[in-house]
C-alpha atoms as a PDB file:
ATOM      1  CA  UNK A   1       6.585   4.871   8.958  1.00  0.00           C
ATOM      2  CA  UNK A   2       8.317   1.550   8.272  1.00  0.00           C
ATOM      3  CA  UNK A   3       6.417  -1.420   6.904  1.00  0.00           C
ATOM      4  CA  UNK A   4       6.140  -4.427   9.195  1.00  0.00           C
ATOM      5  CA  UNK A   5       7.236  -6.727   6.354  1.00  0.00           C
ATOM      6  CA  UNK A   6       9.967  -5.372   4.086  1.00  0.00           C
ATOM      7  CA  UNK A   7      10.747  -6.716   0.625  1.00  0.00           C
ATOM      8  CA  UNK A   8      13.715  -6.430  -1.724  1.00  0.00           C
ATOM      9  CA  UNK A   9      13.194  -6.517  -5.488  1.00  0.00           C
ATOM     10  CA  UNK A  10      15.501  -6.903  -8.476  1.00  0.00           C
ATOM     11  CA  UNK A  11      14.860  -6.214 -12.147  1.00  0.00           C
ATOM     12  CA  UNK A  12      17.564  -6.693 -14.783  1.00  0.00           C
ATOM     13  CA  UNK A  13      15.334  -7.273 -17.805  1.00  0.00           C
ATOM     14  CA  UNK A  14      16.387  -4.128 -19.695  1.00  0.00           C
ATOM     15  CA  UNK A  15      19.427  -1.996 -20.435  1.00  0.00           C
ATOM     16  CA  UNK A  16      18.970  -0.248 -17.068  1.00  0.00           C
ATOM     17  CA  UNK A  17      18.765  -2.490 -14.010  1.00  0.00           C
ATOM     18  CA  UNK A  18      17.275  -1.569 -10.657  1.00  0.00           C
ATOM     19  CA  UNK A  19      16.771  -2.703  -7.084  1.00  0.00           C
ATOM     20  CA  UNK A  20      14.189  -1.511  -4.569  1.00  0.00           C
ATOM     21  CA  UNK A  21      13.225  -1.899  -0.914  1.00  0.00           C
ATOM     22  CA  UNK A  22       9.760  -1.085   0.447  1.00  0.00           C
ATOM     23  CA  UNK A  23      10.697  -0.189   4.008  1.00  0.00           C
ATOM     24  CA  UNK A  24       9.259   3.292   3.415  1.00  0.00           C
ATOM     25  CA  UNK A  25       6.702   4.951   1.163  1.00  0.00           C
ATOM     26  CA  UNK A  26       7.603   5.907  -1.519  1.00  0.00           C
ATOM     27  CA  UNK A  27       9.661   2.812  -2.233  1.00  0.00           C
ATOM     28  CA  UNK A  28      13.423   3.204  -1.896  1.00  0.00           C
ATOM     29  CA  UNK A  29      15.038   2.433  -5.292  1.00  0.00           C
ATOM     30  CA  UNK A  30      18.382   2.478  -7.097  1.00  0.00           C
ATOM     31  CA  UNK A  31      19.094   2.185 -10.794  1.00  0.00           C
ATOM     32  CA  UNK A  32      22.306   1.102 -12.503  1.00  0.00           C
ATOM     33  CA  UNK A  33      23.482   0.590 -16.056  1.00  0.00           C
ATOM     34  CA  UNK A  34      25.923  -2.062 -17.170  1.00  0.00           C
ATOM     35  CA  UNK A  35      24.762  -2.557 -20.722  1.00  0.00           C
ATOM     36  CA  UNK A  36      22.711  -5.749 -20.819  1.00  0.00           C
ATOM     37  CA  UNK A  37      24.827  -7.625 -18.278  1.00  0.00           C
ATOM     38  CA  UNK A  38      24.422  -5.925 -14.883  1.00  0.00           C
ATOM     39  CA  UNK A  39      26.748  -8.446 -13.232  1.00  0.00           C
ATOM     40  CA  UNK A  40      29.184  -5.948 -11.702  1.00  0.00           C
ATOM     41  CA  UNK A  41      26.585  -3.523 -10.355  1.00  0.00           C
ATOM     42  CA  UNK A  42      23.811  -5.772  -9.042  1.00  0.00           C
ATOM     43  CA  UNK A  43      25.189  -7.152  -5.776  1.00  0.00           C
ATOM     44  CA  UNK A  44      26.843  -3.859  -4.704  1.00  0.00           C
ATOM     45  CA  UNK A  45      23.498  -2.135  -5.346  1.00  0.00           C
ATOM     46  CA  UNK A  46      21.683  -4.738  -3.208  1.00  0.00           C
ATOM     47  CA  UNK A  47      24.199  -4.307  -0.400  1.00  0.00           C
ATOM     48  CA  UNK A  48      23.973  -0.511  -0.529  1.00  0.00           C
ATOM     49  CA  UNK A  49      20.176  -0.292  -0.531  1.00  0.00           C
ATOM     50  CA  UNK A  50      19.893  -2.753   2.370  1.00  0.00           C
ATOM     51  CA  UNK A  51      22.476  -0.723   4.288  1.00  0.00           C
ATOM     52  CA  UNK A  52      20.503   2.469   3.680  1.00  0.00           C
ATOM     53  CA  UNK A  53      17.353   0.720   4.905  1.00  0.00           C
ATOM     54  CA  UNK A  54      19.277  -0.624   7.926  1.00  0.00           C
ATOM     55  CA  UNK A  55      18.382  -4.195   7.058  1.00  0.00           C
ATOM     56  CA  UNK A  56      20.497  -7.322   7.342  1.00  0.00           C
ATOM     57  CA  UNK A  57      18.027  -9.156   5.138  1.00  0.00           C
ATOM     58  CA  UNK A  58      14.496  -8.557   3.790  1.00  0.00           C
ATOM     59  CA  UNK A  59      11.371 -10.498   4.722  1.00  0.00           C
ATOM     60  CA  UNK A  60      10.849 -11.508   1.097  1.00  0.00           C
ATOM     61  CA  UNK A  61      12.428 -11.092  -2.332  1.00  0.00           C
ATOM     62  CA  UNK A  62      10.797 -10.217  -5.642  1.00  0.00           C
ATOM     63  CA  UNK A  63      12.361 -10.487  -9.069  1.00  0.00           C
ATOM     64  CA  UNK A  64      11.331  -9.272 -12.511  1.00  0.00           C
ATOM     65  CA  UNK A  65      11.173 -12.311 -14.805  1.00  0.00           C
ATOM     66  CA  UNK A  66      11.324 -10.400 -18.070  1.00  0.00           C
ATOM     67  CA  UNK A  67      10.981 -10.763 -20.953  1.00  0.00           C
ATOM     68  CA  UNK A  68      14.368  -9.300 -21.704  1.00  0.00           C
ATOM     69  CA  UNK A  69      17.985  -9.997 -22.537  1.00  0.00           C
ATOM     70  CA  UNK A  70      19.258 -13.522 -21.911  1.00  0.00           C
ATOM     71  CA  UNK A  71      22.299 -12.497 -19.887  1.00  0.00           C
ATOM     72  CA  UNK A  72      20.603  -9.776 -17.850  1.00  0.00           C
ATOM     73  CA  UNK A  73      17.663 -11.971 -16.863  1.00  0.00           C
ATOM     74  CA  UNK A  74      19.859 -14.950 -16.042  1.00  0.00           C
ATOM     75  CA  UNK A  75      21.963 -12.852 -13.676  1.00  0.00           C
ATOM     76  CA  UNK A  76      19.016 -11.131 -11.976  1.00  0.00           C
ATOM     77  CA  UNK A  77      16.961 -14.279 -11.437  1.00  0.00           C
ATOM     78  CA  UNK A  78      19.987 -16.302 -10.318  1.00  0.00           C
ATOM     79  CA  UNK A  79      20.950 -13.674  -7.733  1.00  0.00           C
ATOM     80  CA  UNK A  80      17.358 -13.428  -6.466  1.00  0.00           C
ATOM     81  CA  UNK A  81      17.069 -17.221  -6.136  1.00  0.00           C
ATOM     82  CA  UNK A  82      20.447 -17.483  -4.398  1.00  0.00           C
ATOM     83  CA  UNK A  83      19.616 -14.729  -1.902  1.00  0.00           C
ATOM     84  CA  UNK A  84      16.199 -16.233  -1.140  1.00  0.00           C
ATOM     85  CA  UNK A  85      17.796 -19.643  -0.555  1.00  0.00           C
ATOM     86  CA  UNK A  86      20.642 -18.232   1.560  1.00  0.00           C
ATOM     87  CA  UNK A  87      18.441 -15.980   3.678  1.00  0.00           C
ATOM     88  CA  UNK A  88      15.599 -18.518   3.830  1.00  0.00           C
ATOM     89  CA  UNK A  89      12.976 -15.949   2.805  1.00  0.00           C
ATOM     90  CA  UNK A  90      10.078 -16.235   0.317  1.00  0.00           C
ATOM     91  CA  UNK A  91      10.659 -15.487  -3.355  1.00  0.00           C
ATOM     92  CA  UNK A  92       8.050 -14.089  -5.751  1.00  0.00           C
ATOM     93  CA  UNK A  93       8.496 -13.799  -9.505  1.00  0.00           C
ATOM     94  CA  UNK A  94       6.711 -11.007 -11.376  1.00  0.00           C
ATOM     95  CA  UNK A  95       6.504 -10.396 -15.135  1.00  0.00           C
ATOM     96  CA  UNK A  96       8.449  -7.185 -15.739  1.00  0.00           C
ATOM     97  CA  UNK A  97       5.887  -6.008 -18.301  1.00  0.00           C
ATOM     98  CA  UNK A  98       3.128  -6.320 -15.723  1.00  0.00           C
ATOM     99  CA  UNK A  99       5.212  -3.977 -13.594  1.00  0.00           C
ATOM    100  CA  UNK A 100       5.299  -1.448 -16.434  1.00  0.00           C
ATOM    101  CA  UNK A 101       1.505  -1.730 -16.800  1.00  0.00           C
ATOM    102  CA  UNK A 102       1.195  -1.029 -13.077  1.00  0.00           C
ATOM    103  CA  UNK A 103       3.464   1.978 -13.455  1.00  0.00           C
ATOM    104  CA  UNK A 104       1.300   3.323 -16.282  1.00  0.00           C
ATOM    105  CA  UNK A 105      -1.599   3.596 -13.844  1.00  0.00           C
ATOM    106  CA  UNK A 106      -5.308   2.707 -14.112  1.00  0.00           C
ATOM    107  CA  UNK A 107      -6.942   3.240 -17.517  1.00  0.00           C
ATOM    108  CA  UNK A 108     -10.434   2.689 -18.873  1.00  0.00           C
ATOM    109  CA  UNK A 109      -9.012   1.345 -22.140  1.00  0.00           C
ATOM    110  CA  UNK A 110      -6.546  -1.544 -22.591  1.00  0.00           C
ATOM    111  CA  UNK A 111      -2.903  -0.797 -21.756  1.00  0.00           C
ATOM    112  CA  UNK A 112      -0.391  -1.960 -24.379  1.00  0.00           C
ATOM    113  CA  UNK A 113       3.197  -2.401 -23.211  1.00  0.00           C
ATOM    114  CA  UNK A 114       5.713  -2.338 -26.070  1.00  0.00           C
ATOM    115  CA  UNK A 115       9.405  -2.719 -25.240  1.00  0.00           C
ATOM    116  CA  UNK A 116      12.404  -2.622 -27.559  1.00  0.00           C
ATOM    117  CA  UNK A 117      13.669  -6.188 -27.986  1.00  0.00           C
ATOM    118  CA  UNK A 118      16.439  -5.076 -30.399  1.00  0.00           C
ATOM    119  CA  UNK A 119      17.202  -7.100 -33.550  1.00  0.00           C
ATOM    120  CA  UNK A 120      14.275  -5.233 -35.187  1.00  0.00           C
ATOM    121  CA  UNK A 121      11.748  -6.842 -32.813  1.00  0.00           C
ATOM    122  CA  UNK A 122       9.570  -5.762 -29.896  1.00  0.00           C
ATOM    123  CA  UNK A 123       8.233  -7.405 -26.768  1.00  0.00           C
ATOM    124  CA  UNK A 124       4.545  -6.693 -26.268  1.00  0.00           C
ATOM    125  CA  UNK A 125       1.728  -7.462 -23.872  1.00  0.00           C
ATOM    126  CA  UNK A 126      -1.754  -6.073 -23.339  1.00  0.00           C
ATOM    127  CA  UNK A 127      -3.520  -5.507 -20.028  1.00  0.00           C
ATOM    128  CA  UNK A 128      -6.892  -4.407 -18.728  1.00  0.00           C
ATOM    129  CA  UNK A 129      -7.289  -2.866 -15.279  1.00  0.00           C
ATOM    130  CA  UNK A 130      -9.632  -4.837 -13.019  1.00  0.00           C
ATOM    131  CA  UNK A 131     -10.073  -4.558  -9.244  1.00  0.00           C
ATOM    132  CA  UNK A 132      -7.193  -2.117  -8.976  1.00  0.00           C
ATOM    133  CA  UNK A 133      -4.623  -4.235 -10.819  1.00  0.00           C
ATOM    134  CA  UNK A 134      -3.505  -4.758 -14.427  1.00  0.00           C
ATOM    135  CA  UNK A 135      -4.760  -8.127 -15.725  1.00  0.00           C
ATOM    136  CA  UNK A 136      -3.007  -9.744 -18.696  1.00  0.00           C
ATOM    137  CA  UNK A 137      -5.269 -10.236 -21.718  1.00  0.00           C
ATOM    138  CA  UNK A 138      -2.676 -10.930 -24.460  1.00  0.00           C
ATOM    139  CA  UNK A 139       1.023 -11.790 -24.601  1.00  0.00           C
ATOM    140  CA  UNK A 140       3.749 -11.461 -23.527  1.00  0.00           C
ATOM    141  CA  UNK A 141       5.230 -12.142 -26.937  1.00  0.00           C
ATOM    142  CA  UNK A 142       8.060 -11.104 -29.212  1.00  0.00           C
ATOM    143  CA  UNK A 143       7.309 -10.080 -32.793  1.00  0.00           C
ATOM    144  CA  UNK A 144       8.302  -7.858 -35.646  1.00  0.00           C
ATOM    145  CA  UNK A 145       6.695  -4.433 -35.133  1.00  0.00           C
ATOM    146  CA  UNK A 146       4.244  -4.890 -38.016  1.00  0.00           C
ATOM    147  CA  UNK A 147       3.038  -8.192 -36.537  1.00  0.00           C
ATOM    148  CA  UNK A 148       2.745  -6.775 -33.017  1.00  0.00           C
ATOM    149  CA  UNK A 149       0.701  -3.861 -34.369  1.00  0.00           C
ATOM    150  CA  UNK A 150      -1.946  -6.232 -35.713  1.00  0.00           C
ATOM    151  CA  UNK A 151      -2.227  -8.035 -32.355  1.00  0.00           C
ATOM    152  CA  UNK A 152      -2.763  -4.947 -30.203  1.00  0.00           C
ATOM    153  CA  UNK A 153      -6.077  -3.062 -29.972  1.00  0.00           C
ATOM    154  CA  UNK A 154      -6.049   0.269 -31.756  1.00  0.00           C
ATOM    155  CA  UNK A 155      -7.774   2.010 -28.822  1.00  0.00           C
ATOM    156  CA  UNK A 156      -5.097   0.894 -26.340  1.00  0.00           C
ATOM    157  CA  UNK A 157      -3.043   3.242 -24.183  1.00  0.00           C
ATOM    158  CA  UNK A 158       0.480   2.583 -25.488  1.00  0.00           C
ATOM    159  CA  UNK A 159       3.592   2.838 -23.311  1.00  0.00           C
ATOM    160  CA  UNK A 160       7.176   1.600 -23.467  1.00  0.00           C
ATOM    161  CA  UNK A 161      10.423   2.283 -25.291  1.00  0.00           C
ATOM    162  CA  UNK A 162       9.339   0.129 -28.243  1.00  0.00           C
ATOM    163  CA  UNK A 163       6.423   2.343 -29.268  1.00  0.00           C
ATOM    164  CA  UNK A 164       8.513   4.182 -31.859  1.00  0.00           C
ATOM    165  CA  UNK A 165       9.076   0.903 -33.721  1.00  0.00           C
ATOM    166  CA  UNK A 166       5.294   0.565 -34.013  1.00  0.00           C
ATOM    167  CA  UNK A 167       4.939   4.131 -35.196  1.00  0.00           C
ATOM    168  CA  UNK A 168       2.764   5.118 -32.230  1.00  0.00           C
ATOM    169  CA  UNK A 169       3.342   7.841 -29.651  1.00  0.00           C
ATOM    170  CA  UNK A 170       3.591   6.588 -26.054  1.00  0.00           C
ATOM    171  CA  UNK A 171       0.978   7.924 -23.655  1.00  0.00           C
ATOM    172  CA  UNK A 172       3.758   8.356 -21.062  1.00  0.00           C
ATOM    173  CA  UNK A 173       7.385   8.853 -22.051  1.00  0.00           C
ATOM    174  CA  UNK A 174      10.298   6.636 -20.957  1.00  0.00           C
ATOM    175  CA  UNK A 175       8.430   3.860 -19.162  1.00  0.00           C
ATOM    176  CA  UNK A 176      10.747   0.858 -18.814  1.00  0.00           C
ATOM    177  CA  UNK A 177      10.783  -2.045 -16.314  1.00  0.00           C
ATOM    178  CA  UNK A 178      11.618  -0.990 -12.763  1.00  0.00           C
ATOM    179  CA  UNK A 179      12.203  -2.953  -9.579  1.00  0.00           C
ATOM    180  CA  UNK A 180       9.927  -0.602  -7.639  1.00  0.00           C
ATOM    181  CA  UNK A 181       6.867  -1.651  -9.690  1.00  0.00           C
ATOM    182  CA  UNK A 182       7.828  -5.314  -9.422  1.00  0.00           C
ATOM    183  CA  UNK A 183       7.995  -4.845  -5.663  1.00  0.00           C
ATOM    184  CA  UNK A 184       4.578  -3.169  -5.461  1.00  0.00           C
ATOM    185  CA  UNK A 185       2.965  -6.141  -7.206  1.00  0.00           C
ATOM    186  CA  UNK A 186       4.961  -8.680  -5.214  1.00  0.00           C
ATOM    187  CA  UNK A 187       3.948  -7.055  -1.938  1.00  0.00           C
ATOM    188  CA  UNK A 188       0.279  -7.546  -2.796  1.00  0.00           C
ATOM    189  CA  UNK A 189       0.928 -11.246  -3.418  1.00  0.00           C
ATOM    190  CA  UNK A 190       3.075 -11.576  -0.296  1.00  0.00           C
ATOM    191  CA  UNK A 191       0.414 -10.071   1.967  1.00  0.00           C
ATOM    192  CA  UNK A 192      -2.138 -12.481   0.459  1.00  0.00           C
ATOM    193  CA  UNK A 193       0.066 -15.335   1.604  1.00  0.00           C
ATOM    194  CA  UNK A 194       1.225 -16.283  -1.886  1.00  0.00           C
ATOM    195  CA  UNK A 195       4.680 -17.772  -2.359  1.00  0.00           C
ATOM    196  CA  UNK A 196       6.605 -19.212  -5.319  1.00  0.00           C
ATOM    197  CA  UNK A 197       8.842 -22.240  -5.056  1.00  0.00           C
ATOM    198  CA  UNK A 198      12.395 -21.113  -5.698  1.00  0.00           C
ATOM    199  CA  UNK A 199      13.011 -23.741  -8.368  1.00  0.00           C
ATOM    200  CA  UNK A 200       9.958 -22.601 -10.353  1.00  0.00           C
ATOM    201  CA  UNK A 201      11.066 -18.941 -10.598  1.00  0.00           C
ATOM    202  CA  UNK A 202      12.616 -18.848 -14.066  1.00  0.00           C
ATOM    203  CA  UNK A 203      13.507 -16.127 -16.577  1.00  0.00           C
ATOM    204  CA  UNK A 204      10.995 -15.346 -19.314  1.00  0.00           C
ATOM    205  CA  UNK A 205      13.287 -15.223 -22.340  1.00  0.00           C
ATOM    206  CA  UNK A 206      10.810 -15.518 -25.285  1.00  0.00           C
ATOM    207  CA  UNK A 207      13.795 -15.346 -27.666  1.00  0.00           C
ATOM    208  CA  UNK A 208      16.280 -18.212 -27.936  1.00  0.00           C
ATOM    209  CA  UNK A 209      19.856 -17.495 -26.881  1.00  0.00           C
ATOM    210  CA  UNK A 210      22.609 -16.857 -29.427  1.00  0.00           C
ATOM    211  CA  UNK A 211      24.117 -20.267 -28.622  1.00  0.00           C
ATOM    212  CA  UNK A 212      20.773 -21.969 -29.324  1.00  0.00           C
ATOM    213  CA  UNK A 213      20.411 -19.957 -32.536  1.00  0.00           C
ATOM    214  CA  UNK A 214      23.831 -21.133 -33.768  1.00  0.00           C
ATOM    215  CA  UNK A 215      23.034 -24.737 -32.812  1.00  0.00           C
ATOM    216  CA  UNK A 216      19.780 -24.604 -34.805  1.00  0.00           C
ATOM    217  CA  UNK A 217      21.651 -23.155 -37.787  1.00  0.00           C
ATOM    218  CA  UNK A 218      24.076 -26.113 -37.774  1.00  0.00           C
ATOM    219  CA  UNK A 219      21.344 -28.766 -37.580  1.00  0.00           C
END
């Protein structure tokens, strides 16, 4: 059975990008890999998934804000903002790590999301499930693994592709940001009547870009 309101979501925060449409249950999703860029694959993937759902345009758009790679996030958020503006539909930004916490499922203990940030660092955030949703209690942040380890509760349920850098075993293997989880969380906000202003939906970089790093080195 089709949903009365159908959303499209985009997440390009990691090495594997994805798009999803919630016209059916389970959510219709596609993944693509273009390194950390995703520029060539994103729009064709959007066009294909909308065609499969027999949609000219969605009723709303959701986008994963990261944290993640500078280039990947910039492309994903820019495309989401442009489509929302062009189609004149609401846009909702969702932290990609919150999506991973949602994908990990309800837990009695805190849920620690640890993602590989490369350059010997990790992104991390900690959540506690309340009223059927993961609620942020610490982070998101980027740190060296040894520093992140001291910030996260030892009794947490750890997930994410950065767990190995912390020396902990993930409770669920291979959990990385996905557009389908972003869309699930965005749908809850959309049905509550929540909307984000397009100009306020911005990437969550946490790490400065390489150009900024070089500029700081010169000064």
